[in-house]
């Protein structure tokens, strides 16, 4: 884990970069920048380590890369990210990750408190070329990464820590290491987004079924009620559709039935509660609508390969 950077004051972005400077200059401004790969000659990705001050940062101007932001320090700040069609609220923890796609023209970030040690990684679209991945992913597929909400991924977090370490202490083979990490990072994003599996945390939006406005209304409702009574009738009502029409349209849009989507999101919430709270296993199980500890353990082990107790112990020992 890199040393936690000292807190500095970050300005709110008001102007675009004036030359071949840091990737985030136009979005975040020059203040708060701690380290940059701009002069390292890296291939495959570029990176910046930044501090950010609390408040609202509004920005305009399309970005050409996929941006991955990782909280390396554990800031415990409420972060609200807004862009056309998206409003994502999450509390930042160590390892929290945010994705922003290429092509966004405007948006804002609202931070409830100062945040230190945020790594910004920029992946060029060339990394997603078929000759790099062995599969063809088109532009619309890449832009679907915009719909990822704040999440945790231990492999992506490890890659980010390795990149930050190279930023802080340059090594003789650092360029080769970063080029390799860029490939790993790209492959992981593709795997997480395009592979339908039991541990998929977020929907792969297909462009079919529910229109975007209805879909995000439902997804926001689910996110806000994971520890409440989530019934398909209520979800259908939020979408202003009949139960049958909603279930069919939701699966077309997300690739998962409402039941399987809610189940996966509740298990993701369980992972977060196990790591970031001291609530008992039975309390977490009941809060997330499991009828008993045994059913929770069975579902969690199928989802993660570990029991809830093992998962909590392993994360505490890291």
C-alpha atoms as a PDB file:
ATOM      1  CA  UNK A   1       0.000   0.000   0.000  1.00  0.00           C
ATOM      2  CA  UNK A   2       1.548   3.352  -0.935  1.00  0.00           C
ATOM      3  CA  UNK A   3       2.154   5.904   1.748  1.00  0.00           C
ATOM      4  CA  UNK A   4      -0.874   8.114   2.251  1.00  0.00           C
ATOM      5  CA  UNK A   5      -0.146  11.478   0.584  1.00  0.00           C
ATOM      6  CA  UNK A   6      -0.291  14.618   2.644  1.00  0.00           C
ATOM      7  CA  UNK A   7      -3.472  16.618   2.173  1.00  0.00           C
ATOM      8  CA  UNK A   8      -3.297  19.552  -0.184  1.00  0.00           C
ATOM      9  CA  UNK A   9      -5.896  21.967  -1.476  1.00  0.00           C
ATOM     10  CA  UNK A  10      -7.494  21.077  -4.814  1.00  0.00           C
ATOM     11  CA  UNK A  11      -9.130  23.694  -6.970  1.00  0.00           C
ATOM     12  CA  UNK A  12     -12.315  23.341  -8.907  1.00  0.00           C
ATOM     13  CA  UNK A  13     -11.768  22.946 -12.649  1.00  0.00           C
ATOM     14  CA  UNK A  14     -12.474  26.057 -14.654  1.00  0.00           C
ATOM     15  CA  UNK A  15     -10.269  25.703 -17.712  1.00  0.00           C
ATOM     16  CA  UNK A  16      -8.986  23.157 -20.173  1.00  0.00           C
ATOM     17  CA  UNK A  17      -5.330  22.091 -20.217  1.00  0.00           C
ATOM     18  CA  UNK A  18      -3.068  24.353 -22.231  1.00  0.00           C
ATOM     19  CA  UNK A  19      -0.855  21.712 -23.787  1.00  0.00           C
ATOM     20  CA  UNK A  20       0.262  18.080 -23.512  1.00  0.00           C
ATOM     21  CA  UNK A  21      -0.111  18.196 -19.735  1.00  0.00           C
ATOM     22  CA  UNK A  22      -1.761  15.881 -17.257  1.00  0.00           C
ATOM     23  CA  UNK A  23      -4.876  14.098 -18.471  1.00  0.00           C
ATOM     24  CA  UNK A  24      -7.028  15.415 -15.631  1.00  0.00           C
ATOM     25  CA  UNK A  25      -6.047  19.079 -15.855  1.00  0.00           C
ATOM     26  CA  UNK A  26      -9.217  20.123 -17.660  1.00  0.00           C
ATOM     27  CA  UNK A  27     -11.492  18.143 -15.365  1.00  0.00           C
ATOM     28  CA  UNK A  28      -9.906  18.672 -11.951  1.00  0.00           C
ATOM     29  CA  UNK A  29      -7.563  21.625 -12.392  1.00  0.00           C
ATOM     30  CA  UNK A  30      -3.859  21.813 -11.545  1.00  0.00           C
ATOM     31  CA  UNK A  31      -4.086  22.138  -7.766  1.00  0.00           C
ATOM     32  CA  UNK A  32      -4.137  18.951  -5.751  1.00  0.00           C
ATOM     33  CA  UNK A  33      -1.997  17.074  -8.271  1.00  0.00           C
ATOM     34  CA  UNK A  34       0.636  15.085  -6.359  1.00  0.00           C
ATOM     35  CA  UNK A  35       2.230  12.847  -8.988  1.00  0.00           C
ATOM     36  CA  UNK A  36       1.813  12.333 -12.737  1.00  0.00           C
ATOM     37  CA  UNK A  37       3.069   9.906 -15.353  1.00  0.00           C
ATOM     38  CA  UNK A  38       3.101  12.668 -17.997  1.00  0.00           C
ATOM     39  CA  UNK A  39       6.901  12.657 -18.179  1.00  0.00           C
ATOM     40  CA  UNK A  40       7.446   8.914 -17.657  1.00  0.00           C
ATOM     41  CA  UNK A  41       6.974   7.712 -21.232  1.00  0.00           C
ATOM     42  CA  UNK A  42       4.520   5.012 -20.158  1.00  0.00           C
ATOM     43  CA  UNK A  43       2.684   2.937 -22.778  1.00  0.00           C
ATOM     44  CA  UNK A  44      -0.830   1.588 -22.391  1.00  0.00           C
ATOM     45  CA  UNK A  45      -2.052   3.976 -19.730  1.00  0.00           C
ATOM     46  CA  UNK A  46      -1.350   7.229 -17.912  1.00  0.00           C
ATOM     47  CA  UNK A  47      -1.968   7.982 -14.263  1.00  0.00           C
ATOM     48  CA  UNK A  48      -2.198  10.795 -11.725  1.00  0.00           C
ATOM     49  CA  UNK A  49      -2.279  10.779  -7.946  1.00  0.00           C
ATOM     50  CA  UNK A  50      -4.447  13.609  -6.623  1.00  0.00           C
ATOM     51  CA  UNK A  51      -5.984  15.147  -3.538  1.00  0.00           C
ATOM     52  CA  UNK A  52      -9.423  16.752  -3.867  1.00  0.00           C
ATOM     53  CA  UNK A  53     -11.097  19.364  -1.671  1.00  0.00           C
ATOM     54  CA  UNK A  54     -14.684  19.024  -0.527  1.00  0.00           C
ATOM     55  CA  UNK A  55     -17.297  20.817  -2.612  1.00  0.00           C
ATOM     56  CA  UNK A  56     -18.669  20.595  -6.126  1.00  0.00           C
ATOM     57  CA  UNK A  57     -16.393  20.198  -9.136  1.00  0.00           C
ATOM     58  CA  UNK A  58     -18.196  20.852 -12.419  1.00  0.00           C
ATOM     59  CA  UNK A  59     -16.500  20.095 -15.727  1.00  0.00           C
ATOM     60  CA  UNK A  60     -17.125  20.269 -19.463  1.00  0.00           C
ATOM     61  CA  UNK A  61     -15.300  18.911 -22.488  1.00  0.00           C
ATOM     62  CA  UNK A  62     -15.260  15.336 -23.774  1.00  0.00           C
ATOM     63  CA  UNK A  63     -12.589  12.946 -22.527  1.00  0.00           C
ATOM     64  CA  UNK A  64     -11.073  10.497 -24.976  1.00  0.00           C
ATOM     65  CA  UNK A  65     -10.039   7.753 -22.541  1.00  0.00           C
ATOM     66  CA  UNK A  66     -11.695   5.423 -20.080  1.00  0.00           C
ATOM     67  CA  UNK A  67     -11.014   6.888 -16.626  1.00  0.00           C
ATOM     68  CA  UNK A  68     -10.691   4.665 -13.565  1.00  0.00           C
ATOM     69  CA  UNK A  69     -10.544   6.388 -10.169  1.00  0.00           C
ATOM     70  CA  UNK A  70      -9.449   4.405  -7.104  1.00  0.00           C
ATOM     71  CA  UNK A  71      -9.535   5.519  -3.471  1.00  0.00           C
ATOM     72  CA  UNK A  72      -6.181   4.358  -2.090  1.00  0.00           C
ATOM     73  CA  UNK A  73      -6.505   5.962   1.328  1.00  0.00           C
ATOM     74  CA  UNK A  74      -9.989   5.211   2.639  1.00  0.00           C
ATOM     75  CA  UNK A  75     -11.529   8.679   2.772  1.00  0.00           C
ATOM     76  CA  UNK A  76     -15.000   7.757   4.094  1.00  0.00           C
ATOM     77  CA  UNK A  77     -16.515  10.645   2.129  1.00  0.00           C
ATOM     78  CA  UNK A  78     -19.895  10.724   0.447  1.00  0.00           C
ATOM     79  CA  UNK A  79     -19.274  11.115  -3.290  1.00  0.00           C
ATOM     80  CA  UNK A  80     -22.041  12.170  -5.664  1.00  0.00           C
ATOM     81  CA  UNK A  81     -21.253  11.773  -9.364  1.00  0.00           C
ATOM     82  CA  UNK A  82     -23.573  13.317 -11.911  1.00  0.00           C
ATOM     83  CA  UNK A  83     -23.544  13.124 -15.708  1.00  0.00           C
ATOM     84  CA  UNK A  84     -26.289  12.966 -18.337  1.00  0.00           C
ATOM     85  CA  UNK A  85     -28.556  10.100 -17.271  1.00  0.00           C
ATOM     86  CA  UNK A  86     -26.482   9.213 -14.201  1.00  0.00           C
ATOM     87  CA  UNK A  87     -26.573  10.194 -10.544  1.00  0.00           C
ATOM     88  CA  UNK A  88     -24.489   7.907  -8.351  1.00  0.00           C
ATOM     89  CA  UNK A  89     -24.099   8.415  -4.601  1.00  0.00           C
ATOM     90  CA  UNK A  90     -21.618   6.300  -2.685  1.00  0.00           C
ATOM     91  CA  UNK A  91     -19.418   6.449   0.394  1.00  0.00           C
ATOM     92  CA  UNK A  92     -15.752   6.121  -0.507  1.00  0.00           C
ATOM     93  CA  UNK A  93     -13.773   3.405   1.232  1.00  0.00           C
ATOM     94  CA  UNK A  94     -10.263   2.152   0.644  1.00  0.00           C
ATOM     95  CA  UNK A  95     -10.449   0.350  -2.690  1.00  0.00           C
ATOM     96  CA  UNK A  96     -13.642   2.027  -3.938  1.00  0.00           C
ATOM     97  CA  UNK A  97     -13.543   2.366  -7.735  1.00  0.00           C
ATOM     98  CA  UNK A  98     -15.383   4.651 -10.156  1.00  0.00           C
ATOM     99  CA  UNK A  99     -15.465   4.352 -13.950  1.00  0.00           C
ATOM    100  CA  UNK A 100     -16.068   7.144 -16.459  1.00  0.00           C
ATOM    101  CA  UNK A 101     -16.385   6.397 -20.172  1.00  0.00           C
ATOM    102  CA  UNK A 102     -14.956   8.272 -23.123  1.00  0.00           C
ATOM    103  CA  UNK A 103     -17.265  10.819 -24.665  1.00  0.00           C
ATOM    104  CA  UNK A 104     -18.854  12.399 -21.601  1.00  0.00           C
ATOM    105  CA  UNK A 105     -19.158  16.127 -22.337  1.00  0.00           C
ATOM    106  CA  UNK A 106     -20.261  17.446 -18.950  1.00  0.00           C
ATOM    107  CA  UNK A 107     -20.852  16.436 -15.395  1.00  0.00           C
ATOM    108  CA  UNK A 108     -19.983  17.141 -11.777  1.00  0.00           C
ATOM    109  CA  UNK A 109     -18.524  15.584  -8.668  1.00  0.00           C
ATOM    110  CA  UNK A 110     -19.699  16.570  -5.195  1.00  0.00           C
ATOM    111  CA  UNK A 111     -17.468  15.609  -2.269  1.00  0.00           C
ATOM    112  CA  UNK A 112     -18.755  15.830   1.299  1.00  0.00           C
ATOM    113  CA  UNK A 113     -15.222  16.092   2.702  1.00  0.00           C
ATOM    114  CA  UNK A 114     -11.622  16.428   1.555  1.00  0.00           C
ATOM    115  CA  UNK A 115     -10.272  13.324  -0.163  1.00  0.00           C
ATOM    116  CA  UNK A 116      -6.595  12.370  -0.306  1.00  0.00           C
ATOM    117  CA  UNK A 117      -4.736   9.754  -2.294  1.00  0.00           C
ATOM    118  CA  UNK A 118      -7.089   9.273  -5.253  1.00  0.00           C
ATOM    119  CA  UNK A 119      -5.449   7.521  -8.189  1.00  0.00           C
ATOM    120  CA  UNK A 120      -6.778   8.456 -11.635  1.00  0.00           C
ATOM    121  CA  UNK A 121      -5.920   5.955 -14.379  1.00  0.00           C
ATOM    122  CA  UNK A 122      -6.564   6.757 -18.053  1.00  0.00           C
ATOM    123  CA  UNK A 123      -6.899   3.883 -20.526  1.00  0.00           C
ATOM    124  CA  UNK A 124      -6.857   4.835 -24.229  1.00  0.00           C
ATOM    125  CA  UNK A 125      -9.437   3.171 -26.456  1.00  0.00           C
ATOM    126  CA  UNK A 126      -6.606   1.466 -28.350  1.00  0.00           C
ATOM    127  CA  UNK A 127      -6.278  -0.852 -25.351  1.00  0.00           C
ATOM    128  CA  UNK A 128      -9.670  -2.320 -26.241  1.00  0.00           C
ATOM    129  CA  UNK A 129      -8.706  -3.117 -29.849  1.00  0.00           C
ATOM    130  CA  UNK A 130      -9.371  -6.717 -30.991  1.00  0.00           C
ATOM    131  CA  UNK A 131      -5.651  -7.428 -31.493  1.00  0.00           C
ATOM    132  CA  UNK A 132      -5.064  -6.607 -27.812  1.00  0.00           C
ATOM    133  CA  UNK A 133      -7.980  -8.535 -26.359  1.00  0.00           C
ATOM    134  CA  UNK A 134      -8.595 -11.315 -28.827  1.00  0.00           C
ATOM    135  CA  UNK A 135     -12.220 -10.224 -29.112  1.00  0.00           C
ATOM    136  CA  UNK A 136     -14.071  -7.406 -30.837  1.00  0.00           C
ATOM    137  CA  UNK A 137     -15.663  -4.783 -28.571  1.00  0.00           C
ATOM    138  CA  UNK A 138     -17.266  -1.859 -30.342  1.00  0.00           C
ATOM    139  CA  UNK A 139     -17.551   1.760 -29.278  1.00  0.00           C
ATOM    140  CA  UNK A 140     -21.049   1.446 -27.807  1.00  0.00           C
ATOM    141  CA  UNK A 141     -19.801  -1.493 -25.755  1.00  0.00           C
ATOM    142  CA  UNK A 142     -17.047   0.601 -24.242  1.00  0.00           C
ATOM    143  CA  UNK A 143     -19.388   3.488 -23.525  1.00  0.00           C
ATOM    144  CA  UNK A 144     -21.583   1.109 -21.523  1.00  0.00           C
ATOM    145  CA  UNK A 145     -18.891   1.258 -18.853  1.00  0.00           C
ATOM    146  CA  UNK A 146     -20.483   4.586 -17.934  1.00  0.00           C
ATOM    147  CA  UNK A 147     -23.257   2.692 -16.222  1.00  0.00           C
ATOM    148  CA  UNK A 148     -20.921   1.088 -13.688  1.00  0.00           C
ATOM    149  CA  UNK A 149     -21.531   2.504 -10.237  1.00  0.00           C
ATOM    150  CA  UNK A 150     -19.008   2.779  -7.443  1.00  0.00           C
ATOM    151  CA  UNK A 151     -17.788  -0.730  -6.695  1.00  0.00           C
ATOM    152  CA  UNK A 152     -14.950  -2.767  -5.225  1.00  0.00           C
ATOM    153  CA  UNK A 153     -12.704  -5.215  -7.044  1.00  0.00           C
ATOM    154  CA  UNK A 154      -9.663  -6.592  -5.232  1.00  0.00           C
ATOM    155  CA  UNK A 155      -7.739  -7.271  -8.451  1.00  0.00           C
ATOM    156  CA  UNK A 156      -8.301  -3.782  -9.856  1.00  0.00           C
ATOM    157  CA  UNK A 157      -7.326  -2.319  -6.480  1.00  0.00           C
ATOM    158  CA  UNK A 158      -4.061  -4.305  -6.484  1.00  0.00           C
ATOM    159  CA  UNK A 159      -3.281  -3.086 -10.001  1.00  0.00           C
ATOM    160  CA  UNK A 160      -3.960   0.491  -8.885  1.00  0.00           C
ATOM    161  CA  UNK A 161      -1.636   0.116  -5.891  1.00  0.00           C
ATOM    162  CA  UNK A 162       1.127  -1.195  -8.154  1.00  0.00           C
ATOM    163  CA  UNK A 163       0.693   1.781 -10.502  1.00  0.00           C
ATOM    164  CA  UNK A 164       0.721   4.215  -7.574  1.00  0.00           C
ATOM    165  CA  UNK A 165       3.856   2.575  -6.198  1.00  0.00           C
ATOM    166  CA  UNK A 166       5.619   3.064  -9.527  1.00  0.00           C
ATOM    167  CA  UNK A 167       4.493   6.699  -9.564  1.00  0.00           C
ATOM    168  CA  UNK A 168       5.945   7.241  -6.099  1.00  0.00           C
ATOM    169  CA  UNK A 169       9.217   5.372  -6.615  1.00  0.00           C
ATOM    170  CA  UNK A 170      10.226   4.969 -10.257  1.00  0.00           C
ATOM    171  CA  UNK A 171      12.037   1.708 -11.071  1.00  0.00           C
ATOM    172  CA  UNK A 172      14.270   0.763 -13.984  1.00  0.00           C
ATOM    173  CA  UNK A 173      11.685  -1.608 -15.453  1.00  0.00           C
ATOM    174  CA  UNK A 174       8.683   0.508 -14.502  1.00  0.00           C
ATOM    175  CA  UNK A 175       7.620   1.182 -18.072  1.00  0.00           C
ATOM    176  CA  UNK A 176       7.495  -2.538 -18.831  1.00  0.00           C
ATOM    177  CA  UNK A 177       5.553  -3.201 -15.641  1.00  0.00           C
ATOM    178  CA  UNK A 178       2.990  -0.489 -16.398  1.00  0.00           C
ATOM    179  CA  UNK A 179       2.510  -1.729 -19.965  1.00  0.00           C
ATOM    180  CA  UNK A 180       1.763  -5.185 -18.572  1.00  0.00           C
ATOM    181  CA  UNK A 181      -0.584  -3.759 -15.944  1.00  0.00           C
ATOM    182  CA  UNK A 182      -2.468  -1.830 -18.636  1.00  0.00           C
ATOM    183  CA  UNK A 183      -3.262  -5.106 -20.376  1.00  0.00           C
ATOM    184  CA  UNK A 184      -4.358  -6.726 -17.114  1.00  0.00           C
ATOM    185  CA  UNK A 185      -6.518  -3.740 -16.244  1.00  0.00           C
ATOM    186  CA  UNK A 186      -8.224  -3.728 -19.641  1.00  0.00           C
ATOM    187  CA  UNK A 187      -8.860  -7.473 -19.556  1.00  0.00           C
ATOM    188  CA  UNK A 188     -10.356  -7.223 -16.071  1.00  0.00           C
ATOM    189  CA  UNK A 189     -12.747  -4.463 -17.110  1.00  0.00           C
ATOM    190  CA  UNK A 190     -13.883  -6.509 -20.096  1.00  0.00           C
ATOM    191  CA  UNK A 191     -14.265  -9.608 -17.949  1.00  0.00           C
ATOM    192  CA  UNK A 192     -16.293  -7.793 -15.300  1.00  0.00           C
ATOM    193  CA  UNK A 193     -18.510  -6.035 -17.790  1.00  0.00           C
ATOM    194  CA  UNK A 194     -19.080  -8.485 -20.603  1.00  0.00           C
ATOM    195  CA  UNK A 195     -18.966 -11.867 -18.886  1.00  0.00           C
ATOM    196  CA  UNK A 196     -22.324 -12.945 -17.477  1.00  0.00           C
ATOM    197  CA  UNK A 197     -21.492 -14.859 -14.296  1.00  0.00           C
ATOM    198  CA  UNK A 198     -22.897 -15.447 -10.858  1.00  0.00           C
ATOM    199  CA  UNK A 199     -20.657 -12.810  -9.300  1.00  0.00           C
ATOM    200  CA  UNK A 200     -21.469 -10.048 -11.788  1.00  0.00           C
ATOM    201  CA  UNK A 201     -22.210  -7.038  -9.620  1.00  0.00           C
ATOM    202  CA  UNK A 202     -23.623  -4.671 -12.222  1.00  0.00           C
ATOM    203  CA  UNK A 203     -25.908  -5.012 -15.221  1.00  0.00           C
ATOM    204  CA  UNK A 204     -24.711  -5.204 -18.783  1.00  0.00           C
ATOM    205  CA  UNK A 205     -27.098  -2.824 -20.482  1.00  0.00           C
ATOM    206  CA  UNK A 206     -28.255  -4.170 -23.825  1.00  0.00           C
ATOM    207  CA  UNK A 207     -30.111  -1.174 -25.244  1.00  0.00           C
ATOM    208  CA  UNK A 208     -33.304  -3.264 -25.329  1.00  0.00           C
ATOM    209  CA  UNK A 209     -36.318  -3.489 -23.053  1.00  0.00           C
ATOM    210  CA  UNK A 210     -36.769  -0.626 -20.589  1.00  0.00           C
ATOM    211  CA  UNK A 211     -35.831   2.829 -21.765  1.00  0.00           C
ATOM    212  CA  UNK A 212     -32.925   4.402 -19.900  1.00  0.00           C
ATOM    213  CA  UNK A 213     -35.052   6.782 -17.827  1.00  0.00           C
ATOM    214  CA  UNK A 214     -37.299   4.021 -16.453  1.00  0.00           C
ATOM    215  CA  UNK A 215     -34.393   1.641 -15.961  1.00  0.00           C
ATOM    216  CA  UNK A 216     -32.335   4.054 -13.866  1.00  0.00           C
ATOM    217  CA  UNK A 217     -35.363   4.938 -11.806  1.00  0.00           C
ATOM    218  CA  UNK A 218     -35.746   1.244 -10.965  1.00  0.00           C
ATOM    219  CA  UNK A 219     -32.018   0.712 -10.344  1.00  0.00           C
ATOM    220  CA  UNK A 220     -31.936   3.698  -7.983  1.00  0.00           C
ATOM    221  CA  UNK A 221     -34.982   2.337  -6.174  1.00  0.00           C
ATOM    222  CA  UNK A 222     -33.348  -1.082  -5.774  1.00  0.00           C
ATOM    223  CA  UNK A 223     -30.103   0.476  -4.502  1.00  0.00           C
ATOM    224  CA  UNK A 224     -31.993   2.517  -1.907  1.00  0.00           C
ATOM    225  CA  UNK A 225     -34.052  -0.434  -0.659  1.00  0.00           C
ATOM    226  CA  UNK A 226     -31.641  -3.361  -0.547  1.00  0.00           C
ATOM    227  CA  UNK A 227     -32.246  -3.630   3.192  1.00  0.00           C
ATOM    228  CA  UNK A 228     -35.993  -3.240   2.750  1.00  0.00           C
ATOM    229  CA  UNK A 229     -38.928  -5.015   1.152  1.00  0.00           C
ATOM    230  CA  UNK A 230     -38.155  -5.256  -2.561  1.00  0.00           C
ATOM    231  CA  UNK A 231     -41.083  -6.779  -4.416  1.00  0.00           C
ATOM    232  CA  UNK A 232     -41.484  -7.045  -8.138  1.00  0.00           C
ATOM    233  CA  UNK A 233     -44.893  -5.350  -7.963  1.00  0.00           C
ATOM    234  CA  UNK A 234     -43.302  -2.258  -6.430  1.00  0.00           C
ATOM    235  CA  UNK A 235     -40.432  -2.278  -8.919  1.00  0.00           C
ATOM    236  CA  UNK A 236     -42.941  -2.510 -11.753  1.00  0.00           C
ATOM    237  CA  UNK A 237     -44.871   0.394 -10.256  1.00  0.00           C
ATOM    238  CA  UNK A 238     -41.691   2.503 -10.148  1.00  0.00           C
ATOM    239  CA  UNK A 239     -41.252   1.765 -13.860  1.00  0.00           C
ATOM    240  CA  UNK A 240     -44.963   2.498 -14.497  1.00  0.00           C
ATOM    241  CA  UNK A 241     -45.436  -0.909 -16.116  1.00  0.00           C
ATOM    242  CA  UNK A 242     -47.436  -4.035 -15.456  1.00  0.00           C
ATOM    243  CA  UNK A 243     -45.703  -6.806 -13.507  1.00  0.00           C
ATOM    244  CA  UNK A 244     -45.374  -9.094 -16.534  1.00  0.00           C
ATOM    245  CA  UNK A 245     -44.246  -6.365 -18.934  1.00  0.00           C
ATOM    246  CA  UNK A 246     -41.744  -5.059 -16.401  1.00  0.00           C
ATOM    247  CA  UNK A 247     -40.150  -8.445 -15.708  1.00  0.00           C
ATOM    248  CA  UNK A 248     -39.679  -9.152 -19.406  1.00  0.00           C
ATOM    249  CA  UNK A 249     -38.395  -5.657 -20.227  1.00  0.00           C
ATOM    250  CA  UNK A 250     -36.030  -5.553 -17.242  1.00  0.00           C
ATOM    251  CA  UNK A 251     -34.375  -8.817 -18.245  1.00  0.00           C
ATOM    252  CA  UNK A 252     -34.027  -7.594 -21.833  1.00  0.00           C
ATOM    253  CA  UNK A 253     -32.342  -4.386 -20.615  1.00  0.00           C
ATOM    254  CA  UNK A 254     -30.075  -5.821 -17.927  1.00  0.00           C
ATOM    255  CA  UNK A 255     -29.540  -9.449 -18.903  1.00  0.00           C
ATOM    256  CA  UNK A 256     -30.777 -10.652 -15.498  1.00  0.00           C
ATOM    257  CA  UNK A 257     -34.240 -11.222 -14.125  1.00  0.00           C
ATOM    258  CA  UNK A 258     -35.348  -8.774 -11.401  1.00  0.00           C
ATOM    259  CA  UNK A 259     -34.963 -11.548  -8.830  1.00  0.00           C
ATOM    260  CA  UNK A 260     -31.398 -12.426  -9.826  1.00  0.00           C
ATOM    261  CA  UNK A 261     -30.395  -8.774 -10.095  1.00  0.00           C
ATOM    262  CA  UNK A 262     -31.697  -7.953  -6.597  1.00  0.00           C
ATOM    263  CA  UNK A 263     -30.058 -11.098  -5.227  1.00  0.00           C
ATOM    264  CA  UNK A 264     -26.647 -10.176  -6.647  1.00  0.00           C
ATOM    265  CA  UNK A 265     -26.933  -6.587  -5.400  1.00  0.00           C
ATOM    266  CA  UNK A 266     -27.878  -7.763  -1.899  1.00  0.00           C
ATOM    267  CA  UNK A 267     -24.884 -10.074  -1.813  1.00  0.00           C
ATOM    268  CA  UNK A 268     -22.661  -7.194  -2.909  1.00  0.00           C
ATOM    269  CA  UNK A 269     -24.143  -5.124  -0.080  1.00  0.00           C
ATOM    270  CA  UNK A 270     -23.427  -8.020   2.279  1.00  0.00           C
ATOM    271  CA  UNK A 271     -19.760  -7.947   1.228  1.00  0.00           C
ATOM    272  CA  UNK A 272     -19.567  -4.227   1.977  1.00  0.00           C
ATOM    273  CA  UNK A 273     -21.261  -4.636   5.372  1.00  0.00           C
ATOM    274  CA  UNK A 274     -18.939  -7.485   6.325  1.00  0.00           C
ATOM    275  CA  UNK A 275     -15.895  -5.355   5.559  1.00  0.00           C
ATOM    276  CA  UNK A 276     -17.004  -1.890   6.674  1.00  0.00           C
ATOM    277  CA  UNK A 277     -19.248  -2.588   9.666  1.00  0.00           C
ATOM    278  CA  UNK A 278     -19.186  -4.657  12.837  1.00  0.00           C
ATOM    279  CA  UNK A 279     -22.740  -5.926  12.422  1.00  0.00           C
ATOM    280  CA  UNK A 280     -23.236  -9.599  13.264  1.00  0.00           C
ATOM    281  CA  UNK A 281     -23.673 -12.162  10.501  1.00  0.00           C
ATOM    282  CA  UNK A 282     -27.256 -12.886  11.492  1.00  0.00           C
ATOM    283  CA  UNK A 283     -28.072  -9.154  11.568  1.00  0.00           C
ATOM    284  CA  UNK A 284     -26.711  -8.747   8.037  1.00  0.00           C
ATOM    285  CA  UNK A 285     -28.578 -11.852   6.878  1.00  0.00           C
ATOM    286  CA  UNK A 286     -31.928 -10.650   8.227  1.00  0.00           C
ATOM    287  CA  UNK A 287     -31.390  -7.069   7.011  1.00  0.00           C
ATOM    288  CA  UNK A 288     -30.894  -8.370   3.471  1.00  0.00           C
ATOM    289  CA  UNK A 289     -34.064 -10.511   3.596  1.00  0.00           C
ATOM    290  CA  UNK A 290     -32.519 -13.936   4.158  1.00  0.00           C
ATOM    291  CA  UNK A 291     -34.782 -16.041   6.344  1.00  0.00           C
ATOM    292  CA  UNK A 292     -31.942 -17.523   8.373  1.00  0.00           C
ATOM    293  CA  UNK A 293     -28.166 -17.583   8.794  1.00  0.00           C
ATOM    294  CA  UNK A 294     -27.867 -20.919   6.947  1.00  0.00           C
ATOM    295  CA  UNK A 295     -29.568 -19.611   3.796  1.00  0.00           C
ATOM    296  CA  UNK A 296     -27.391 -16.500   3.847  1.00  0.00           C
ATOM    297  CA  UNK A 297     -24.227 -18.568   4.219  1.00  0.00           C
ATOM    298  CA  UNK A 298     -25.238 -20.896   1.387  1.00  0.00           C
ATOM    299  CA  UNK A 299     -26.003 -18.044  -1.014  1.00  0.00           C
ATOM    300  CA  UNK A 300     -22.902 -16.051  -0.040  1.00  0.00           C
ATOM    301  CA  UNK A 301     -20.607 -19.046  -0.503  1.00  0.00           C
ATOM    302  CA  UNK A 302     -22.097 -19.744  -3.931  1.00  0.00           C
ATOM    303  CA  UNK A 303     -21.565 -16.076  -4.838  1.00  0.00           C
ATOM    304  CA  UNK A 304     -18.006 -15.637  -3.520  1.00  0.00           C
ATOM    305  CA  UNK A 305     -16.592 -19.096  -2.842  1.00  0.00           C
ATOM    306  CA  UNK A 306     -16.298 -18.225   0.877  1.00  0.00           C
ATOM    307  CA  UNK A 307     -18.590 -18.201   3.873  1.00  0.00           C
ATOM    308  CA  UNK A 308     -19.431 -14.753   5.278  1.00  0.00           C
ATOM    309  CA  UNK A 309     -17.194 -15.397   8.271  1.00  0.00           C
ATOM    310  CA  UNK A 310     -14.257 -16.435   6.077  1.00  0.00           C
ATOM    311  CA  UNK A 311     -14.761 -13.416   3.837  1.00  0.00           C
ATOM    312  CA  UNK A 312     -14.733 -11.004   6.808  1.00  0.00           C
ATOM    313  CA  UNK A 313     -11.667 -12.656   8.349  1.00  0.00           C
ATOM    314  CA  UNK A 314      -9.721 -12.659   5.069  1.00  0.00           C
ATOM    315  CA  UNK A 315     -10.458  -8.995   4.399  1.00  0.00           C
ATOM    316  CA  UNK A 316      -9.532  -7.988   7.962  1.00  0.00           C
ATOM    317  CA  UNK A 317      -6.195  -9.790   7.650  1.00  0.00           C
ATOM    318  CA  UNK A 318      -5.247  -8.059   4.373  1.00  0.00           C
END
